[in-house]
Amino acid sequence: MRVGAEQQHGQKGATKDEQDGATTQTSAPIVYVALGDSTGVGVGARRGGGYVARLFERIERVRPGSRVVNLCMSGARTDDALRGQVARVAALHPTLVTVGIGINDVTNNVPFERFAANYEQIITRLRAATDAPIVATNIPDISPAPAVPEFARAEAARRIALFNERIAQIAAQQQITLVDAYDMSREIIPAHPEFFSADGFHPSDEGYEYWAKMMWPAVKTAIGE
């Protein structure tokens, strides 16, 4: 609250040139850098891409001239993000970063301790590489997905919940914005089987569109809209 009061006081006494400069900065194009896995790539979509492409459509509407650098990779785990994605961020000079990673750690039986250490390094290194706001999503509950065998569902659900607890702790410690895809998936997906693509695992066009819609309020706030 104190910071907000100081900002308002500063704007009240600003010259016209300063006010014009502030307006230009607020409406400046966004450099959006996305890190993550196949959901960022858009595997399963027939058209329109994944949530990254759909978020960028929304960004472009409010900030014309923006650009996106999508570093997401199908099948990526947290160790892949550390090796091949995080190191590229600083040179791209982003003004917005999103992170969506972890489901492949769950499905590939990556030990919890390794996942936790990797995820913390991802966020710590991003913090060191850029001052841009970071918006992360936790892991959606894919345990009811058609492609997940019945016998594996309980263990998948247990691991997803455990991994998400650590993601929430890291997000709070590092003061990044965390969008709760987990609760969304548990509440919404059971009533919307059309949110899964034909492969029974990845989101469909409808699923990705809902995902982008869910993330947009946090992204919109992060870019100052």
C-alpha atoms as a PDB file:
ATOM      1  CA  MET A   1       0.000   0.000   0.000  1.00  0.00           C
ATOM      2  CA  ARG A   2       2.814   2.400   0.831  1.00  0.00           C
ATOM      3  CA  VAL A   3       4.460   1.815  -2.555  1.00  0.00           C
ATOM      4  CA  GLY A   4       1.173   2.523  -4.342  1.00  0.00           C
ATOM      5  CA  ALA A   5       0.721   5.799  -2.443  1.00  0.00           C
ATOM      6  CA  GLU A   6       4.218   6.929  -3.405  1.00  0.00           C
ATOM      7  CA  GLN A   7       3.580   6.091  -7.053  1.00  0.00           C
ATOM      8  CA  GLN A   8       0.325   8.066  -7.099  1.00  0.00           C
ATOM      9  CA  HIS A   9       2.016  11.074  -5.499  1.00  0.00           C
ATOM     10  CA  GLY A  10       4.794  10.964  -8.105  1.00  0.00           C
ATOM     11  CA  GLN A  11       2.337  10.890 -10.980  1.00  0.00           C
ATOM     12  CA  LYS A  12       0.368  13.821  -9.580  1.00  0.00           C
ATOM     13  CA  GLY A  13       3.381  16.115  -9.780  1.00  0.00           C
ATOM     14  CA  ALA A  14       4.756  14.814 -13.083  1.00  0.00           C
ATOM     15  CA  THR A  15       5.272  17.072 -16.072  1.00  0.00           C
ATOM     16  CA  LYS A  16       3.456  16.419 -19.334  1.00  0.00           C
ATOM     17  CA  ASP A  17       6.648  14.994 -20.885  1.00  0.00           C
ATOM     18  CA  GLU A  18       7.040  12.625 -17.945  1.00  0.00           C
ATOM     19  CA  GLN A  19       3.410  11.586 -18.209  1.00  0.00           C
ATOM     20  CA  ASP A  20       3.789  10.964 -21.955  1.00  0.00           C
ATOM     21  CA  GLY A  21       6.883   8.868 -21.251  1.00  0.00           C
ATOM     22  CA  ALA A  22       4.986   6.811 -18.695  1.00  0.00           C
ATOM     23  CA  THR A  23       2.181   6.229 -21.197  1.00  0.00           C
ATOM     24  CA  THR A  24       4.660   5.102 -23.854  1.00  0.00           C
ATOM     25  CA  GLN A  25       6.295   2.686 -21.410  1.00  0.00           C
ATOM     26  CA  THR A  26       2.945   1.251 -20.323  1.00  0.00           C
ATOM     27  CA  SER A  27       1.872   0.602 -23.910  1.00  0.00           C
ATOM     28  CA  ALA A  28       5.256  -0.701 -25.079  1.00  0.00           C
ATOM     29  CA  PRO A  29       5.370  -3.999 -27.000  1.00  0.00           C
ATOM     30  CA  ILE A  30       6.037  -7.109 -24.945  1.00  0.00           C
ATOM     31  CA  VAL A  31       8.891  -9.561 -25.458  1.00  0.00           C
ATOM     32  CA  TYR A  32       7.294 -12.779 -24.262  1.00  0.00           C
ATOM     33  CA  VAL A  33       9.577 -15.748 -23.577  1.00  0.00           C
ATOM     34  CA  ALA A  34       7.940 -19.091 -22.771  1.00  0.00           C
ATOM     35  CA  LEU A  35       9.629 -22.069 -21.099  1.00  0.00           C
ATOM     36  CA  GLY A  36       8.066 -25.478 -20.783  1.00  0.00           C
ATOM     37  CA  ASP A  37       6.935 -28.683 -22.422  1.00  0.00           C
ATOM     38  CA  SER A  38       4.525 -29.927 -25.097  1.00  0.00           C
ATOM     39  CA  THR A  39       1.598 -27.924 -23.750  1.00  0.00           C
ATOM     40  CA  GLY A  40       3.552 -24.790 -24.649  1.00  0.00           C
ATOM     41  CA  VAL A  41       4.264 -26.231 -28.098  1.00  0.00           C
ATOM     42  CA  GLY A  42       0.624 -27.150 -28.659  1.00  0.00           C
ATOM     43  CA  VAL A  43       0.806 -30.929 -29.121  1.00  0.00           C
ATOM     44  CA  GLY A  44      -2.763 -32.169 -29.522  1.00  0.00           C
ATOM     45  CA  ALA A  45      -4.132 -28.963 -31.059  1.00  0.00           C
ATOM     46  CA  ARG A  46      -5.582 -29.108 -34.551  1.00  0.00           C
ATOM     47  CA  ARG A  47      -5.188 -25.346 -35.031  1.00  0.00           C
ATOM     48  CA  GLY A  48      -4.121 -22.313 -33.045  1.00  0.00           C
ATOM     49  CA  GLY A  49      -1.258 -23.864 -31.083  1.00  0.00           C
ATOM     50  CA  GLY A  50      -0.944 -24.389 -27.335  1.00  0.00           C
ATOM     51  CA  TYR A  51      -1.527 -22.015 -24.472  1.00  0.00           C
ATOM     52  CA  VAL A  52       1.583 -19.962 -25.370  1.00  0.00           C
ATOM     53  CA  ALA A  53       0.313 -19.076 -28.845  1.00  0.00           C
ATOM     54  CA  ARG A  54      -3.145 -18.326 -27.476  1.00  0.00           C
ATOM     55  CA  LEU A  55      -1.777 -16.105 -24.723  1.00  0.00           C
ATOM     56  CA  PHE A  56       0.316 -14.281 -27.287  1.00  0.00           C
ATOM     57  CA  GLU A  57      -2.788 -13.559 -29.377  1.00  0.00           C
ATOM     58  CA  ARG A  58      -4.256 -11.822 -26.346  1.00  0.00           C
ATOM     59  CA  ILE A  59      -1.012  -9.939 -25.651  1.00  0.00           C
ATOM     60  CA  GLU A  60      -0.823  -8.700 -29.242  1.00  0.00           C
ATOM     61  CA  ARG A  61      -4.340  -7.331 -29.045  1.00  0.00           C
ATOM     62  CA  VAL A  62      -3.428  -5.051 -26.127  1.00  0.00           C
ATOM     63  CA  ARG A  63       0.245  -4.496 -27.029  1.00  0.00           C
ATOM     64  CA  PRO A  64       0.624  -4.377 -30.830  1.00  0.00           C
ATOM     65  CA  GLY A  65       4.113  -5.091 -32.106  1.00  0.00           C
ATOM     66  CA  SER A  66       4.894  -7.600 -29.340  1.00  0.00           C
ATOM     67  CA  ARG A  67       6.865 -10.747 -30.113  1.00  0.00           C
ATOM     68  CA  VAL A  68       7.082 -14.211 -28.632  1.00  0.00           C
ATOM     69  CA  VAL A  69      10.057 -16.558 -28.311  1.00  0.00           C
ATOM     70  CA  ASN A  70       8.717 -20.003 -27.521  1.00  0.00           C
ATOM     71  CA  LEU A  71      11.469 -22.155 -25.985  1.00  0.00           C
ATOM     72  CA  CYS A  72       9.047 -24.936 -24.992  1.00  0.00           C
ATOM     73  CA  MET A  73       9.911 -28.430 -26.179  1.00  0.00           C
ATOM     74  CA  SER A  74       7.764 -31.535 -26.462  1.00  0.00           C
ATOM     75  CA  GLY A  75       8.702 -34.080 -23.819  1.00  0.00           C
ATOM     76  CA  ALA A  76      10.765 -31.598 -21.806  1.00  0.00           C
ATOM     77  CA  ARG A  77      11.427 -32.301 -18.145  1.00  0.00           C
ATOM     78  CA  THR A  78      12.859 -29.883 -15.610  1.00  0.00           C
ATOM     79  CA  ASP A  79      16.425 -30.982 -16.366  1.00  0.00           C
ATOM     80  CA  ASP A  80      15.809 -30.269 -20.077  1.00  0.00           C
ATOM     81  CA  ALA A  81      14.521 -26.810 -19.222  1.00  0.00           C
ATOM     82  CA  LEU A  82      17.654 -26.144 -17.184  1.00  0.00           C
ATOM     83  CA  ARG A  83      19.977 -27.310 -19.953  1.00  0.00           C
ATOM     84  CA  GLY A  84      18.295 -25.996 -23.061  1.00  0.00           C
ATOM     85  CA  GLN A  85      15.911 -23.188 -22.135  1.00  0.00           C
ATOM     86  CA  VAL A  86      16.906 -21.174 -19.053  1.00  0.00           C
ATOM     87  CA  ALA A  87      20.379 -20.348 -20.354  1.00  0.00           C
ATOM     88  CA  ARG A  88      18.892 -18.593 -23.408  1.00  0.00           C
ATOM     89  CA  VAL A  89      16.636 -16.202 -21.519  1.00  0.00           C
ATOM     90  CA  ALA A  90      19.058 -13.392 -20.572  1.00  0.00           C
ATOM     91  CA  ALA A  91      20.066 -12.687 -24.187  1.00  0.00           C
ATOM     92  CA  LEU A  92      16.415 -12.389 -25.233  1.00  0.00           C
ATOM     93  CA  HIS A  93      15.696  -9.466 -22.861  1.00  0.00           C
ATOM     94  CA  PRO A  94      12.136 -10.538 -22.059  1.00  0.00           C
ATOM     95  CA  THR A  95       9.525  -8.330 -20.480  1.00  0.00           C
ATOM     96  CA  LEU A  96       7.379 -11.362 -19.641  1.00  0.00           C
ATOM     97  CA  VAL A  97       8.324 -14.969 -18.877  1.00  0.00           C
ATOM     98  CA  THR A  98       6.000 -17.954 -18.429  1.00  0.00           C
ATOM     99  CA  VAL A  99       6.999 -21.342 -17.052  1.00  0.00           C
ATOM    100  CA  GLY A 100       4.977 -24.539 -17.427  1.00  0.00           C
ATOM    101  CA  ILE A 101       7.006 -27.654 -16.625  1.00  0.00           C
ATOM    102  CA  GLY A 102       6.760 -30.783 -14.522  1.00  0.00           C
ATOM    103  CA  ILE A 103       4.250 -33.226 -15.946  1.00  0.00           C
ATOM    104  CA  ASN A 104       6.954 -35.181 -17.784  1.00  0.00           C
ATOM    105  CA  ASP A 105       8.905 -35.446 -14.533  1.00  0.00           C
ATOM    106  CA  VAL A 106       5.798 -37.049 -13.043  1.00  0.00           C
ATOM    107  CA  THR A 107       5.170 -39.485 -15.885  1.00  0.00           C
ATOM    108  CA  ASN A 108       8.848 -40.406 -16.312  1.00  0.00           C
ATOM    109  CA  ASN A 109       9.275 -41.225 -12.605  1.00  0.00           C
ATOM    110  CA  VAL A 110      11.842 -38.489 -11.934  1.00  0.00           C
ATOM    111  CA  PRO A 111      12.541 -38.627  -8.177  1.00  0.00           C
ATOM    112  CA  PHE A 112      10.776 -35.908  -6.232  1.00  0.00           C
ATOM    113  CA  GLU A 113      14.030 -34.573  -4.753  1.00  0.00           C
ATOM    114  CA  ARG A 114      15.565 -34.107  -8.205  1.00  0.00           C
ATOM    115  CA  PHE A 115      12.444 -32.409  -9.539  1.00  0.00           C
ATOM    116  CA  ALA A 116      12.343 -30.059  -6.531  1.00  0.00           C
ATOM    117  CA  ALA A 117      16.019 -29.117  -6.907  1.00  0.00           C
ATOM    118  CA  ASN A 118      15.637 -28.592 -10.663  1.00  0.00           C
ATOM    119  CA  TYR A 119      12.526 -26.443 -10.335  1.00  0.00           C
ATOM    120  CA  GLU A 120      14.134 -24.250  -7.705  1.00  0.00           C
ATOM    121  CA  GLN A 121      17.177 -23.778  -9.951  1.00  0.00           C
ATOM    122  CA  ILE A 122      14.959 -22.865 -12.896  1.00  0.00           C
ATOM    123  CA  ILE A 123      13.271 -20.075 -10.979  1.00  0.00           C
ATOM    124  CA  THR A 124      16.453 -18.921  -9.238  1.00  0.00           C
ATOM    125  CA  ARG A 125      18.334 -18.686 -12.546  1.00  0.00           C
ATOM    126  CA  LEU A 126      15.467 -16.887 -14.224  1.00  0.00           C
ATOM    127  CA  ARG A 127      15.425 -14.375 -11.378  1.00  0.00           C
ATOM    128  CA  ALA A 128      19.138 -13.788 -11.924  1.00  0.00           C
ATOM    129  CA  ALA A 129      18.762 -13.537 -15.720  1.00  0.00           C
ATOM    130  CA  THR A 130      15.867 -11.086 -15.957  1.00  0.00           C
ATOM    131  CA  ASP A 131      13.798  -8.563 -14.066  1.00  0.00           C
ATOM    132  CA  ALA A 132      10.757  -9.485 -16.148  1.00  0.00           C
ATOM    133  CA  PRO A 133       7.665 -10.721 -14.314  1.00  0.00           C
ATOM    134  CA  ILE A 134       7.453 -14.510 -14.188  1.00  0.00           C
ATOM    135  CA  VAL A 135       4.098 -16.285 -14.407  1.00  0.00           C
ATOM    136  CA  ALA A 136       4.176 -20.033 -13.744  1.00  0.00           C
ATOM    137  CA  THR A 137       1.514 -22.705 -13.840  1.00  0.00           C
ATOM    138  CA  ASN A 138       1.573 -25.722 -11.601  1.00  0.00           C
ATOM    139  CA  ILE A 139       0.891 -29.246 -12.885  1.00  0.00           C
ATOM    140  CA  PRO A 140      -2.676 -30.053 -13.925  1.00  0.00           C
ATOM    141  CA  ASP A 141      -4.191 -33.277 -12.630  1.00  0.00           C
ATOM    142  CA  ILE A 142      -3.971 -35.543 -15.667  1.00  0.00           C
ATOM    143  CA  SER A 143      -4.562 -38.724 -13.649  1.00  0.00           C
ATOM    144  CA  PRO A 144      -8.102 -39.166 -15.104  1.00  0.00           C
ATOM    145  CA  ALA A 145      -6.832 -38.747 -18.677  1.00  0.00           C
ATOM    146  CA  PRO A 146      -7.977 -41.533 -21.024  1.00  0.00           C
ATOM    147  CA  ALA A 147      -4.357 -42.411 -21.852  1.00  0.00           C
ATOM    148  CA  VAL A 148      -3.450 -43.007 -18.189  1.00  0.00           C
ATOM    149  CA  PRO A 149      -4.052 -46.672 -17.255  1.00  0.00           C
ATOM    150  CA  GLU A 150      -6.479 -47.240 -14.407  1.00  0.00           C
ATOM    151  CA  PHE A 151      -3.816 -48.917 -12.262  1.00  0.00           C
ATOM    152  CA  ALA A 152      -1.492 -45.909 -12.571  1.00  0.00           C
ATOM    153  CA  ARG A 153      -3.962 -43.174 -11.737  1.00  0.00           C
ATOM    154  CA  ALA A 154      -3.707 -43.124  -7.955  1.00  0.00           C
ATOM    155  CA  GLU A 155       0.095 -42.916  -8.021  1.00  0.00           C
ATOM    156  CA  ALA A 156       0.020 -40.225 -10.718  1.00  0.00           C
ATOM    157  CA  ALA A 157      -2.433 -38.190  -8.638  1.00  0.00           C
ATOM    158  CA  ARG A 158      -0.264 -38.585  -5.531  1.00  0.00           C
ATOM    159  CA  ARG A 159       2.910 -37.452  -7.302  1.00  0.00           C
ATOM    160  CA  ILE A 160       1.209 -34.499  -8.997  1.00  0.00           C
ATOM    161  CA  ALA A 161      -0.111 -33.244  -5.651  1.00  0.00           C
ATOM    162  CA  LEU A 162       3.327 -33.686  -4.035  1.00  0.00           C
ATOM    163  CA  PHE A 163       5.162 -31.905  -6.855  1.00  0.00           C
ATOM    164  CA  ASN A 164       2.651 -29.062  -6.776  1.00  0.00           C
ATOM    165  CA  GLU A 165       3.225 -28.507  -3.071  1.00  0.00           C
ATOM    166  CA  ARG A 166       6.887 -27.845  -3.806  1.00  0.00           C
ATOM    167  CA  ILE A 167       6.080 -25.607  -6.791  1.00  0.00           C
ATOM    168  CA  ALA A 168       3.836 -23.499  -4.530  1.00  0.00           C
ATOM    169  CA  GLN A 169       6.579 -23.202  -1.905  1.00  0.00           C
ATOM    170  CA  ILE A 170       9.169 -22.100  -4.481  1.00  0.00           C
ATOM    171  CA  ALA A 171       6.758 -19.636  -6.092  1.00  0.00           C
ATOM    172  CA  ALA A 172       6.063 -18.048  -2.708  1.00  0.00           C
ATOM    173  CA  GLN A 173       9.753 -17.891  -1.783  1.00  0.00           C
ATOM    174  CA  GLN A 174      10.739 -16.361  -5.130  1.00  0.00           C
ATOM    175  CA  GLN A 175       7.660 -14.121  -5.304  1.00  0.00           C
ATOM    176  CA  ILE A 176       6.533 -15.232  -8.732  1.00  0.00           C
ATOM    177  CA  THR A 177       2.923 -15.396  -9.882  1.00  0.00           C
ATOM    178  CA  LEU A 178       1.512 -18.929  -9.771  1.00  0.00           C
ATOM    179  CA  VAL A 179      -1.606 -19.849 -11.744  1.00  0.00           C
ATOM    180  CA  ASP A 180      -3.411 -22.852 -10.267  1.00  0.00           C
ATOM    181  CA  ALA A 181      -3.925 -25.241 -13.171  1.00  0.00           C
ATOM    182  CA  TYR A 182      -4.235 -28.107 -10.682  1.00  0.00           C
ATOM    183  CA  ASP A 183      -7.460 -26.988  -9.015  1.00  0.00           C
ATOM    184  CA  MET A 184      -8.832 -25.889 -12.382  1.00  0.00           C
ATOM    185  CA  SER A 185      -8.228 -29.326 -13.861  1.00  0.00           C
ATOM    186  CA  ARG A 186      -9.836 -31.125 -10.920  1.00  0.00           C
ATOM    187  CA  GLU A 187     -12.904 -28.914 -11.020  1.00  0.00           C
ATOM    188  CA  ILE A 188     -13.429 -28.417 -14.755  1.00  0.00           C
ATOM    189  CA  ILE A 189     -11.962 -31.326 -16.719  1.00  0.00           C
ATOM    190  CA  PRO A 190     -14.203 -34.119 -15.355  1.00  0.00           C
ATOM    191  CA  ALA A 191     -17.189 -32.331 -16.904  1.00  0.00           C
ATOM    192  CA  HIS A 192     -15.374 -31.581 -20.167  1.00  0.00           C
ATOM    193  CA  PRO A 193     -13.946 -34.689 -21.838  1.00  0.00           C
ATOM    194  CA  GLU A 194     -13.577 -32.599 -25.004  1.00  0.00           C
ATOM    195  CA  PHE A 195     -10.654 -30.822 -23.299  1.00  0.00           C
ATOM    196  CA  PHE A 196      -8.498 -33.873 -24.147  1.00  0.00           C
ATOM    197  CA  SER A 197      -7.172 -34.317 -27.668  1.00  0.00           C
ATOM    198  CA  ALA A 198      -7.451 -37.503 -29.703  1.00  0.00           C
ATOM    199  CA  ASP A 199      -4.326 -38.928 -28.025  1.00  0.00           C
ATOM    200  CA  GLY A 200      -6.150 -38.971 -24.681  1.00  0.00           C
ATOM    201  CA  PHE A 201      -3.353 -37.113 -22.909  1.00  0.00           C
ATOM    202  CA  HIS A 202      -2.641 -33.654 -24.348  1.00  0.00           C
ATOM    203  CA  PRO A 203      -5.199 -30.849 -24.378  1.00  0.00           C
ATOM    204  CA  SER A 204      -7.434 -30.320 -27.375  1.00  0.00           C
ATOM    205  CA  ASP A 205      -8.073 -26.928 -28.982  1.00  0.00           C
ATOM    206  CA  GLU A 206     -10.842 -26.407 -26.444  1.00  0.00           C
ATOM    207  CA  GLY A 207      -8.533 -27.444 -23.615  1.00  0.00           C
ATOM    208  CA  TYR A 208      -5.755 -25.093 -24.683  1.00  0.00           C
ATOM    209  CA  GLU A 209      -8.200 -22.236 -25.135  1.00  0.00           C
ATOM    210  CA  TYR A 210      -9.499 -22.736 -21.604  1.00  0.00           C
ATOM    211  CA  TRP A 211      -5.923 -22.921 -20.304  1.00  0.00           C
ATOM    212  CA  ALA A 212      -5.028 -19.596 -21.952  1.00  0.00           C
ATOM    213  CA  LYS A 213      -8.244 -18.052 -20.658  1.00  0.00           C
ATOM    214  CA  MET A 214      -7.337 -19.227 -17.142  1.00  0.00           C
ATOM    215  CA  MET A 215      -3.828 -17.724 -17.377  1.00  0.00           C
ATOM    216  CA  TRP A 216      -4.787 -14.448 -19.034  1.00  0.00           C
ATOM    217  CA  PRO A 217      -5.807 -12.470 -15.901  1.00  0.00           C
ATOM    218  CA  ALA A 218      -2.403 -13.141 -14.288  1.00  0.00           C
ATOM    219  CA  VAL A 219      -0.523 -12.372 -17.517  1.00  0.00           C
ATOM    220  CA  LYS A 220      -2.565  -9.232 -18.100  1.00  0.00           C
ATOM    221  CA  THR A 221      -1.694  -7.985 -14.620  1.00  0.00           C
ATOM    222  CA  ALA A 222       1.970  -8.911 -15.094  1.00  0.00           C
ATOM    223  CA  ILE A 223       2.259  -6.749 -18.222  1.00  0.00           C
ATOM    224  CA  GLY A 224       0.492  -3.834 -16.579  1.00  0.00           C
ATOM    225  CA  GLU A 225      -2.864  -3.997 -18.297  1.00  0.00           C
END
